[in-house]
């Protein structure tokens, strides 16, 4: 079971001084009814290689890691859902990305540790350039969380912020709906 909350991140860059690591991510989605099937490539160069070449993944990244993830429908207003995730061989992920429809979601994930929680700040690239969003995973839906100073409004359950939806309805289409300081 995955339990997470999502928030907008202030665009002032204040989170950057707290980052302990960063990873580029390129992910695609397969069409499945009633679930989400995601193929994700993580590396220090995967997403930037996608952006520069405009092509699919290449196995030139020795530190790359790939995952197959299946997620069930959201529960609790988007707060929790079933999640199955397994590491898969990089070569398999590269081939599976060819089966994904609608392109890729590209982002850099920055890790920040704050008050006992690990925050994942996603800085989107490509079609969703400019969006900054944070996620924090919880052990329980009602777990108390102290928000870091760079965190803005909660967007948990808002379908605009589902990565899969961002393939068909990218951030520039709806950024005007956000408060100015988060655009």
N, C-alpha and C. Protein backbone atom coordinates (compact mmCIF):
# COMPACT_ATOMS: atom_id res chain seq x y z
N UNK A 1 0.84 -1.17 0.00
CA UNK A 1 0.00 0.00 0.00
C UNK A 1 0.89 1.24 0.00
N UNK A 2 0.58 2.14 -0.90
CA UNK A 2 1.29 3.42 -0.97
C UNK A 2 0.40 4.49 -0.37
N UNK A 3 0.95 5.23 0.59
CA UNK A 3 0.24 6.34 1.21
C UNK A 3 1.14 7.56 1.04
N UNK A 4 0.67 8.55 0.29
CA UNK A 4 1.50 9.73 0.09
C UNK A 4 0.65 10.98 -0.04
N UNK A 5 1.27 12.08 0.33
CA UNK A 5 0.67 13.40 0.16
C UNK A 5 1.51 14.16 -0.85
N UNK A 6 0.84 15.01 -1.66
CA UNK A 6 1.52 15.80 -2.68
C UNK A 6 1.29 17.28 -2.40
N UNK A 7 2.33 18.07 -2.68
CA UNK A 7 2.28 19.51 -2.43
C UNK A 7 2.98 20.25 -3.57
N UNK A 8 2.57 21.48 -3.78
CA UNK A 8 3.33 22.36 -4.66
C UNK A 8 4.57 22.82 -3.91
N UNK A 9 5.58 23.21 -4.66
CA UNK A 9 6.84 23.69 -4.08
C UNK A 9 7.03 25.15 -4.50
N UNK A 10 7.46 25.96 -3.55
CA UNK A 10 7.73 27.37 -3.85
C UNK A 10 8.81 27.46 -4.92
N UNK A 11 8.64 28.36 -5.85
CA UNK A 11 9.56 28.50 -6.99
C UNK A 11 10.79 29.33 -6.67
N UNK A 12 10.99 29.69 -5.41
CA UNK A 12 12.13 30.52 -5.05
C UNK A 12 13.44 29.75 -4.96
N UNK A 13 13.40 28.44 -5.16
CA UNK A 13 14.62 27.62 -5.13
C UNK A 13 15.13 27.32 -3.73
N UNK A 14 14.39 27.68 -2.71
CA UNK A 14 14.86 27.49 -1.33
C UNK A 14 15.08 26.03 -0.96
N UNK A 15 14.44 25.10 -1.63
CA UNK A 15 14.62 23.68 -1.32
C UNK A 15 16.01 23.19 -1.73
N UNK A 16 16.63 23.84 -2.71
CA UNK A 16 17.89 23.35 -3.29
C UNK A 16 19.02 23.22 -2.27
N UNK A 17 19.08 24.08 -1.28
CA UNK A 17 20.15 24.00 -0.29
C UNK A 17 19.98 22.80 0.64
N UNK A 18 18.81 22.16 0.62
CA UNK A 18 18.53 21.02 1.49
C UNK A 18 18.62 19.67 0.76
N UNK A 19 18.88 19.69 -0.54
CA UNK A 19 18.90 18.47 -1.35
C UNK A 19 20.11 17.61 -0.97
N UNK A 20 19.85 16.30 -0.71
CA UNK A 20 20.93 15.37 -0.40
C UNK A 20 21.31 14.52 -1.61
N UNK A 21 20.41 14.37 -2.57
CA UNK A 21 20.72 13.65 -3.81
C UNK A 21 19.69 13.99 -4.87
N UNK A 22 20.07 13.78 -6.12
CA UNK A 22 19.17 14.04 -7.25
C UNK A 22 19.33 12.93 -8.27
N UNK A 23 18.23 12.57 -8.91
CA UNK A 23 18.22 11.51 -9.91
C UNK A 23 17.32 11.93 -11.06
N UNK A 24 17.78 11.72 -12.30
CA UNK A 24 16.93 11.96 -13.46
C UNK A 24 16.03 10.77 -13.68
N UNK A 25 14.80 11.04 -14.06
CA UNK A 25 13.80 9.99 -14.27
C UNK A 25 13.11 10.22 -15.61
N UNK A 26 12.93 9.14 -16.35
CA UNK A 26 12.10 9.14 -17.55
C UNK A 26 11.14 7.97 -17.38
N UNK A 27 9.84 8.23 -17.50
CA UNK A 27 8.86 7.16 -17.29
C UNK A 27 7.75 7.23 -18.32
N UNK A 28 7.26 6.05 -18.66
CA UNK A 28 6.17 5.92 -19.60
C UNK A 28 5.08 5.06 -19.00
N UNK A 29 3.91 5.08 -19.63
CA UNK A 29 2.75 4.37 -19.11
C UNK A 29 2.15 3.50 -20.18
N UNK A 30 1.69 2.31 -19.77
CA UNK A 30 1.01 1.38 -20.67
C UNK A 30 -0.50 1.46 -20.41
N UNK A 31 -1.26 1.32 -21.46
CA UNK A 31 -2.72 1.40 -21.35
C UNK A 31 -3.26 0.12 -20.71
N UNK A 32 -3.84 0.27 -19.53
CA UNK A 32 -4.45 -0.84 -18.80
C UNK A 32 -5.69 -0.28 -18.12
N UNK A 33 -6.80 -0.98 -18.21
CA UNK A 33 -8.04 -0.49 -17.60
C UNK A 33 -8.05 -0.81 -16.12
N UNK A 34 -8.33 0.19 -15.29
CA UNK A 34 -8.49 -0.02 -13.85
C UNK A 34 -7.20 0.01 -13.06
N UNK A 35 -6.07 0.21 -13.71
CA UNK A 35 -4.78 0.27 -13.00
C UNK A 35 -3.84 1.15 -13.81
N UNK A 36 -2.73 1.46 -13.20
CA UNK A 36 -1.68 2.22 -13.88
C UNK A 36 -0.44 1.34 -13.95
N UNK A 37 0.09 1.15 -15.16
CA UNK A 37 1.31 0.38 -15.34
C UNK A 37 2.37 1.35 -15.83
N UNK A 38 3.42 1.49 -15.03
CA UNK A 38 4.46 2.46 -15.30
C UNK A 38 5.81 1.77 -15.46
N UNK A 39 6.57 2.22 -16.45
CA UNK A 39 7.96 1.81 -16.62
C UNK A 39 8.80 3.03 -16.30
N UNK A 40 9.74 2.90 -15.38
CA UNK A 40 10.54 4.05 -14.94
C UNK A 40 12.02 3.74 -15.04
N UNK A 41 12.74 4.65 -15.67
CA UNK A 41 14.20 4.60 -15.73
C UNK A 41 14.75 5.66 -14.82
N UNK A 42 15.63 5.27 -13.91
CA UNK A 42 16.26 6.23 -13.00
C UNK A 42 17.76 6.19 -13.22
N UNK A 43 18.33 7.35 -13.39
CA UNK A 43 19.79 7.44 -13.44
C UNK A 43 20.19 8.89 -13.31
N UNK A 44 21.45 9.11 -13.16
CA UNK A 44 21.92 10.48 -13.09
C UNK A 44 21.91 11.12 -14.47
N UNK A 45 21.69 10.32 -15.51
CA UNK A 45 21.72 10.90 -16.85
C UNK A 45 20.55 10.49 -17.74
N UNK A 46 19.67 9.62 -17.29
CA UNK A 46 18.60 9.10 -18.15
C UNK A 46 17.71 10.19 -18.73
N UNK A 47 17.13 11.01 -17.88
CA UNK A 47 16.20 12.02 -18.38
C UNK A 47 16.92 13.07 -19.21
N UNK A 48 18.14 13.45 -18.81
CA UNK A 48 18.84 14.47 -19.60
C UNK A 48 19.23 13.90 -20.96
N UNK A 49 19.54 12.60 -21.03
CA UNK A 49 19.85 11.99 -22.33
C UNK A 49 18.61 11.98 -23.21
N UNK A 50 17.43 11.72 -22.61
CA UNK A 50 16.19 11.76 -23.37
C UNK A 50 15.95 13.16 -23.91
N UNK A 51 16.14 14.17 -23.05
CA UNK A 51 15.89 15.55 -23.46
C UNK A 51 16.83 15.97 -24.57
N UNK A 52 18.09 15.62 -24.48
CA UNK A 52 19.08 16.06 -25.47
C UNK A 52 18.91 15.36 -26.81
N UNK A 53 18.63 14.06 -26.77
CA UNK A 53 18.58 13.31 -28.02
C UNK A 53 17.18 13.24 -28.62
N UNK A 54 16.17 13.42 -27.77
CA UNK A 54 14.80 13.29 -28.25
C UNK A 54 14.44 11.85 -28.56
N UNK A 55 15.29 10.92 -28.17
CA UNK A 55 15.05 9.51 -28.47
C UNK A 55 14.66 8.76 -27.22
N UNK A 56 14.54 7.46 -27.37
CA UNK A 56 14.25 6.63 -26.21
C UNK A 56 15.53 6.32 -25.48
N UNK A 57 15.41 5.58 -24.41
CA UNK A 57 16.55 5.31 -23.53
C UNK A 57 17.69 4.62 -24.25
N UNK A 58 18.87 4.87 -23.74
CA UNK A 58 20.03 4.15 -24.26
C UNK A 58 20.71 3.46 -23.09
N UNK A 59 21.34 2.37 -23.33
CA UNK A 59 21.97 1.61 -22.25
C UNK A 59 23.35 2.14 -21.93
N UNK A 60 23.65 3.38 -22.31
CA UNK A 60 24.96 3.94 -22.04
C UNK A 60 25.12 4.38 -20.59
N UNK A 61 24.07 4.34 -19.80
CA UNK A 61 24.13 4.79 -18.42
C UNK A 61 24.34 3.61 -17.48
N UNK A 62 25.60 3.37 -17.05
CA UNK A 62 25.88 2.20 -16.23
C UNK A 62 25.22 2.24 -14.86
N UNK A 63 24.92 3.42 -14.35
CA UNK A 63 24.32 3.50 -13.03
C UNK A 63 22.80 3.49 -13.09
N UNK A 64 22.22 3.26 -14.26
CA UNK A 64 20.77 3.28 -14.41
C UNK A 64 20.09 2.12 -13.68
N UNK A 65 18.89 2.40 -13.22
CA UNK A 65 18.05 1.40 -12.57
C UNK A 65 16.67 1.55 -13.17
N UNK A 66 15.96 0.44 -13.34
CA UNK A 66 14.64 0.48 -13.94
C UNK A 66 13.63 -0.26 -13.06
N UNK A 67 12.38 0.20 -13.13
CA UNK A 67 11.32 -0.38 -12.32
C UNK A 67 10.06 -0.58 -13.15
N UNK A 68 9.34 -1.64 -12.84
CA UNK A 68 8.00 -1.86 -13.33
C UNK A 68 7.08 -1.63 -12.13
N UNK A 69 6.12 -0.74 -12.28
CA UNK A 69 5.21 -0.42 -11.19
C UNK A 69 3.77 -0.57 -11.67
N UNK A 70 2.96 -1.22 -10.83
CA UNK A 70 1.53 -1.33 -11.09
C UNK A 70 0.83 -0.71 -9.89
N UNK A 71 -0.06 0.25 -10.17
CA UNK A 71 -0.79 0.93 -9.10
C UNK A 71 -2.27 0.75 -9.33
N UNK A 72 -2.98 0.48 -8.25
CA UNK A 72 -4.43 0.37 -8.31
C UNK A 72 -5.07 1.74 -8.27
N UNK A 73 -6.40 1.78 -8.32
CA UNK A 73 -7.10 3.07 -8.26
C UNK A 73 -6.85 3.77 -6.93
N UNK A 74 -6.91 5.08 -6.95
CA UNK A 74 -6.72 5.88 -5.73
C UNK A 74 -7.86 5.65 -4.76
N UNK A 75 -7.52 5.72 -3.48
CA UNK A 75 -8.50 5.64 -2.40
C UNK A 75 -8.35 6.90 -1.55
N UNK A 76 -9.24 7.12 -0.65
CA UNK A 76 -9.12 8.22 0.32
C UNK A 76 -8.86 9.56 -0.37
N UNK A 77 -9.52 9.84 -1.47
CA UNK A 77 -9.30 11.11 -2.14
C UNK A 77 -7.92 11.25 -2.73
N UNK A 78 -7.31 10.13 -3.13
CA UNK A 78 -5.99 10.17 -3.73
C UNK A 78 -4.85 9.96 -2.76
N UNK A 79 -5.16 9.75 -1.47
CA UNK A 79 -4.12 9.60 -0.46
C UNK A 79 -3.44 8.24 -0.49
N UNK A 80 -4.18 7.18 -0.79
CA UNK A 80 -3.57 5.85 -0.76
C UNK A 80 -4.07 4.99 -1.93
N UNK A 81 -3.25 4.00 -2.26
CA UNK A 81 -3.63 3.03 -3.29
C UNK A 81 -2.64 1.87 -3.25
N UNK A 82 -3.10 0.74 -3.78
CA UNK A 82 -2.24 -0.43 -3.87
C UNK A 82 -1.10 -0.14 -4.83
N UNK A 83 0.11 -0.60 -4.46
CA UNK A 83 1.26 -0.42 -5.34
C UNK A 83 2.13 -1.67 -5.32
N UNK A 84 2.46 -2.14 -6.51
CA UNK A 84 3.40 -3.24 -6.69
C UNK A 84 4.56 -2.67 -7.49
N UNK A 85 5.79 -2.81 -7.00
CA UNK A 85 6.94 -2.28 -7.72
C UNK A 85 8.10 -3.26 -7.62
N UNK A 86 8.73 -3.53 -8.77
CA UNK A 86 9.88 -4.42 -8.82
C UNK A 86 10.94 -3.84 -9.74
N UNK A 87 12.18 -4.01 -9.32
CA UNK A 87 13.28 -3.62 -10.19
C UNK A 87 13.34 -4.61 -11.35
N UNK A 88 13.58 -4.09 -12.54
CA UNK A 88 13.68 -4.94 -13.73
C UNK A 88 14.98 -4.60 -14.46
N UNK A 89 15.45 -5.51 -15.30
CA UNK A 89 16.68 -5.22 -16.06
C UNK A 89 16.51 -3.97 -16.93
N UNK A 90 17.54 -3.17 -16.99
CA UNK A 90 17.52 -1.93 -17.75
C UNK A 90 17.16 -2.18 -19.21
N UNK A 91 17.70 -3.21 -19.80
CA UNK A 91 17.41 -3.51 -21.22
C UNK A 91 15.92 -3.80 -21.42
N UNK A 92 15.29 -4.50 -20.48
CA UNK A 92 13.85 -4.77 -20.57
C UNK A 92 13.06 -3.47 -20.49
N UNK A 93 13.44 -2.59 -19.57
CA UNK A 93 12.74 -1.32 -19.42
C UNK A 93 12.85 -0.49 -20.70
N UNK A 94 14.01 -0.48 -21.30
CA UNK A 94 14.21 0.28 -22.54
C UNK A 94 13.28 -0.24 -23.64
N UNK A 95 13.13 -1.55 -23.73
CA UNK A 95 12.23 -2.12 -24.73
C UNK A 95 10.77 -1.81 -24.38
N UNK A 96 10.41 -1.91 -23.10
CA UNK A 96 9.03 -1.65 -22.69
C UNK A 96 8.65 -0.19 -22.92
N UNK A 97 9.60 0.72 -22.81
CA UNK A 97 9.29 2.13 -23.06
C UNK A 97 8.80 2.35 -24.48
N UNK A 98 9.23 1.48 -25.40
CA UNK A 98 8.74 1.57 -26.79
C UNK A 98 7.25 1.22 -26.88
N UNK A 99 6.74 0.46 -25.90
CA UNK A 99 5.33 0.07 -25.89
C UNK A 99 4.43 1.11 -25.24
N UNK A 100 5.04 2.07 -24.57
CA UNK A 100 4.29 3.10 -23.87
C UNK A 100 3.76 4.13 -24.87
N UNK A 101 2.52 4.50 -24.71
CA UNK A 101 1.87 5.45 -25.61
C UNK A 101 1.86 6.84 -24.99
N UNK A 102 1.95 7.85 -25.83
CA UNK A 102 1.78 9.22 -25.36
C UNK A 102 3.05 9.93 -24.93
N UNK A 103 4.20 9.31 -25.10
CA UNK A 103 5.44 9.97 -24.72
C UNK A 103 5.89 9.60 -23.32
N UNK A 104 6.81 10.41 -22.80
CA UNK A 104 7.40 10.15 -21.49
C UNK A 104 7.23 11.35 -20.58
N UNK A 105 7.15 11.09 -19.29
CA UNK A 105 7.24 12.13 -18.27
C UNK A 105 8.70 12.18 -17.88
N UNK A 106 9.27 13.37 -17.96
CA UNK A 106 10.69 13.56 -17.63
C UNK A 106 10.80 14.51 -16.45
N UNK A 107 11.65 14.13 -15.50
CA UNK A 107 11.81 14.96 -14.31
C UNK A 107 13.12 14.64 -13.61
N UNK A 108 13.53 15.58 -12.79
CA UNK A 108 14.65 15.33 -11.88
C UNK A 108 14.05 15.25 -10.50
N UNK A 109 14.35 14.17 -9.79
CA UNK A 109 13.84 13.98 -8.43
C UNK A 109 14.95 14.35 -7.46
N UNK A 110 14.63 15.32 -6.62
CA UNK A 110 15.56 15.77 -5.58
C UNK A 110 15.07 15.23 -4.24
N UNK A 111 15.97 14.69 -3.45
CA UNK A 111 15.63 14.13 -2.14
C UNK A 111 16.02 15.12 -1.05
N UNK A 112 15.07 15.39 -0.16
CA UNK A 112 15.30 16.26 0.99
C UNK A 112 14.81 15.52 2.22
N UNK A 113 15.64 15.48 3.26
CA UNK A 113 15.23 14.88 4.53
C UNK A 113 14.88 16.02 5.48
N UNK A 114 13.67 15.93 6.08
CA UNK A 114 13.22 17.02 6.94
C UNK A 114 12.34 16.47 8.06
N UNK A 115 12.74 16.71 9.28
CA UNK A 115 11.95 16.36 10.46
C UNK A 115 11.41 14.93 10.42
N UNK A 116 12.29 13.97 10.10
CA UNK A 116 11.92 12.56 10.15
C UNK A 116 11.24 12.01 8.91
N UNK A 117 11.09 12.80 7.88
CA UNK A 117 10.48 12.32 6.64
C UNK A 117 11.39 12.60 5.45
N UNK A 118 11.26 11.75 4.44
CA UNK A 118 11.98 11.95 3.19
C UNK A 118 11.01 12.58 2.20
N UNK A 119 11.40 13.73 1.68
CA UNK A 119 10.59 14.46 0.69
C UNK A 119 11.21 14.27 -0.67
N UNK A 120 10.37 13.95 -1.65
CA UNK A 120 10.80 13.82 -3.04
C UNK A 120 10.27 15.03 -3.80
N UNK A 121 11.18 15.89 -4.24
CA UNK A 121 10.77 17.08 -4.98
C UNK A 121 11.02 16.79 -6.45
N UNK A 122 9.95 16.78 -7.24
CA UNK A 122 10.04 16.52 -8.67
C UNK A 122 10.06 17.84 -9.43
N UNK A 123 11.14 18.01 -10.19
CA UNK A 123 11.30 19.17 -11.06
C UNK A 123 11.09 18.67 -12.48
N UNK A 124 9.96 19.02 -13.07
CA UNK A 124 9.56 18.46 -14.35
C UNK A 124 10.26 19.16 -15.51
N UNK A 125 10.48 18.39 -16.58
CA UNK A 125 11.13 18.88 -17.80
C UNK A 125 10.22 18.57 -18.98
N UNK A 126 10.68 18.91 -20.16
CA UNK A 126 9.92 18.59 -21.38
C UNK A 126 8.59 19.30 -21.39
N UNK A 127 7.53 18.58 -21.72
CA UNK A 127 6.19 19.16 -21.85
C UNK A 127 5.66 19.75 -20.55
N UNK A 128 6.21 19.35 -19.42
CA UNK A 128 5.75 19.83 -18.11
C UNK A 128 6.77 20.74 -17.44
N UNK A 129 7.66 21.31 -18.24
CA UNK A 129 8.71 22.20 -17.75
C UNK A 129 8.14 23.27 -16.82
N UNK A 130 8.81 23.46 -15.70
CA UNK A 130 8.43 24.51 -14.78
C UNK A 130 7.64 24.05 -13.57
N UNK A 131 7.05 22.87 -13.61
CA UNK A 131 6.28 22.38 -12.47
C UNK A 131 7.23 21.84 -11.41
N UNK A 132 7.01 22.26 -10.17
CA UNK A 132 7.73 21.73 -9.01
C UNK A 132 6.71 21.16 -8.04
N UNK A 133 6.85 19.87 -7.72
CA UNK A 133 5.90 19.20 -6.86
C UNK A 133 6.66 18.31 -5.88
N UNK A 134 6.18 18.25 -4.64
CA UNK A 134 6.81 17.42 -3.62
C UNK A 134 5.85 16.32 -3.18
N UNK A 135 6.43 15.17 -2.84
CA UNK A 135 5.66 14.06 -2.30
C UNK A 135 6.33 13.59 -1.02
N UNK A 136 5.53 13.16 -0.08
CA UNK A 136 6.05 12.54 1.13
C UNK A 136 5.25 11.27 1.37
N UNK A 137 5.95 10.15 1.55
CA UNK A 137 5.27 8.88 1.82
C UNK A 137 5.08 8.73 3.32
N UNK A 138 3.94 8.18 3.68
CA UNK A 138 3.56 8.03 5.08
C UNK A 138 3.31 6.58 5.42
N UNK A 139 3.42 6.25 6.69
CA UNK A 139 3.12 4.90 7.16
C UNK A 139 1.63 4.73 7.40
N UNK A 140 0.96 5.81 7.77
CA UNK A 140 -0.47 5.80 8.07
C UNK A 140 -1.12 7.03 7.43
N UNK A 141 -2.38 6.93 7.00
CA UNK A 141 -3.03 8.09 6.37
C UNK A 141 -3.09 9.33 7.25
N UNK A 142 -3.19 9.14 8.57
CA UNK A 142 -3.32 10.29 9.47
C UNK A 142 -2.00 10.66 10.15
N UNK A 143 -0.89 10.16 9.63
CA UNK A 143 0.43 10.45 10.20
C UNK A 143 0.72 11.95 10.15
N UNK A 144 1.20 12.49 11.27
CA UNK A 144 1.55 13.91 11.34
C UNK A 144 2.85 14.17 10.57
N UNK A 145 2.86 15.27 9.84
CA UNK A 145 4.03 15.66 9.05
C UNK A 145 4.32 17.13 9.31
N UNK A 146 5.58 17.44 9.59
CA UNK A 146 5.99 18.83 9.70
C UNK A 146 6.44 19.26 8.31
N UNK A 147 5.81 20.29 7.77
CA UNK A 147 6.10 20.73 6.42
C UNK A 147 7.37 21.56 6.37
N UNK A 148 8.25 21.25 5.42
CA UNK A 148 9.44 22.09 5.22
C UNK A 148 9.02 23.50 4.77
N UNK A 149 9.89 24.49 4.94
CA UNK A 149 9.51 25.87 4.61
C UNK A 149 9.25 26.11 3.13
N UNK A 150 9.70 25.23 2.25
CA UNK A 150 9.50 25.43 0.81
C UNK A 150 8.20 24.85 0.29
N UNK A 151 7.42 24.22 1.16
CA UNK A 151 6.19 23.55 0.75
C UNK A 151 5.04 24.55 0.66
N UNK A 152 4.24 24.37 -0.40
CA UNK A 152 3.07 25.22 -0.63
C UNK A 152 1.79 24.43 -0.42
N UNK A 153 0.75 24.76 -1.15
CA UNK A 153 -0.55 24.12 -0.98
C UNK A 153 -0.53 22.62 -1.29
N UNK A 154 -1.34 21.88 -0.56
CA UNK A 154 -1.48 20.44 -0.82
C UNK A 154 -2.31 20.23 -2.08
N UNK A 155 -1.88 19.26 -2.91
CA UNK A 155 -2.59 18.93 -4.14
C UNK A 155 -2.92 17.44 -4.22
N UNK A 156 -2.83 16.75 -3.08
CA UNK A 156 -3.17 15.33 -3.03
C UNK A 156 -4.56 15.12 -3.61
N UNK A 157 -4.69 14.17 -4.53
CA UNK A 157 -5.99 13.83 -5.11
C UNK A 157 -6.41 14.70 -6.28
N UNK A 158 -5.70 15.77 -6.55
CA UNK A 158 -6.02 16.62 -7.71
C UNK A 158 -5.49 15.92 -8.96
N UNK A 159 -6.35 15.49 -9.87
CA UNK A 159 -5.90 14.72 -11.04
C UNK A 159 -4.91 15.46 -11.94
N UNK A 160 -4.88 16.78 -11.89
CA UNK A 160 -3.88 17.51 -12.69
C UNK A 160 -2.46 17.06 -12.37
N UNK A 161 -2.23 16.63 -11.12
CA UNK A 161 -0.89 16.32 -10.66
C UNK A 161 -0.54 14.84 -10.74
N UNK A 162 -1.36 14.06 -11.44
CA UNK A 162 -1.01 12.67 -11.69
C UNK A 162 -0.08 12.64 -12.90
N UNK A 163 1.05 12.01 -12.75
CA UNK A 163 2.04 11.98 -13.83
C UNK A 163 1.45 11.45 -15.13
N UNK A 164 0.63 10.42 -15.03
CA UNK A 164 0.03 9.83 -16.23
C UNK A 164 -0.84 10.85 -16.96
N UNK A 165 -1.58 11.64 -16.23
CA UNK A 165 -2.43 12.65 -16.86
C UNK A 165 -1.60 13.74 -17.52
N UNK A 166 -0.43 14.03 -16.95
CA UNK A 166 0.41 15.09 -17.51
C UNK A 166 0.90 14.76 -18.92
N UNK A 167 0.79 13.51 -19.33
CA UNK A 167 1.14 13.16 -20.71
C UNK A 167 0.12 13.71 -21.70
N UNK A 168 -1.15 13.70 -21.31
CA UNK A 168 -2.20 14.15 -22.23
C UNK A 168 -2.67 15.57 -21.94
N UNK A 169 -2.42 16.06 -20.74
CA UNK A 169 -2.81 17.40 -20.36
C UNK A 169 -1.65 18.04 -19.60
N UNK A 170 -0.62 18.49 -20.33
CA UNK A 170 0.59 18.98 -19.67
C UNK A 170 0.38 20.29 -18.90
N UNK A 171 1.28 20.52 -18.00
CA UNK A 171 1.27 21.66 -17.08
C UNK A 171 0.98 23.01 -17.73
N UNK A 172 1.56 23.37 -18.88
CA UNK A 172 1.26 24.69 -19.46
C UNK A 172 -0.23 24.91 -19.75
N UNK A 173 -1.00 23.84 -19.94
CA UNK A 173 -2.44 23.96 -20.21
C UNK A 173 -3.23 24.45 -19.00
N UNK A 174 -2.73 24.20 -17.79
CA UNK A 174 -3.50 24.53 -16.59
C UNK A 174 -2.71 25.29 -15.53
N UNK A 175 -1.50 25.69 -15.84
CA UNK A 175 -0.67 26.40 -14.85
C UNK A 175 -1.36 27.67 -14.36
N UNK A 176 -2.17 28.31 -15.19
CA UNK A 176 -2.88 29.53 -14.82
C UNK A 176 -3.85 29.31 -13.65
N UNK A 177 -4.18 28.05 -13.35
CA UNK A 177 -5.08 27.74 -12.24
C UNK A 177 -4.37 27.82 -10.88
N UNK A 178 -3.03 27.85 -10.90
CA UNK A 178 -2.25 27.85 -9.67
C UNK A 178 -1.98 29.27 -9.19
N UNK A 179 -1.77 29.43 -7.88
CA UNK A 179 -1.38 30.75 -7.38
C UNK A 179 -0.07 31.18 -8.05
N UNK A 180 0.09 32.46 -8.28
CA UNK A 180 1.23 33.02 -9.01
C UNK A 180 2.59 32.50 -8.53
N UNK A 181 2.79 32.41 -7.21
CA UNK A 181 4.10 32.01 -6.68
C UNK A 181 4.46 30.55 -6.93
N UNK A 182 3.54 29.77 -7.51
CA UNK A 182 3.81 28.37 -7.80
C UNK A 182 3.79 28.07 -9.30
N UNK A 183 3.68 29.08 -10.14
CA UNK A 183 3.63 28.88 -11.59
C UNK A 183 5.02 28.78 -12.19
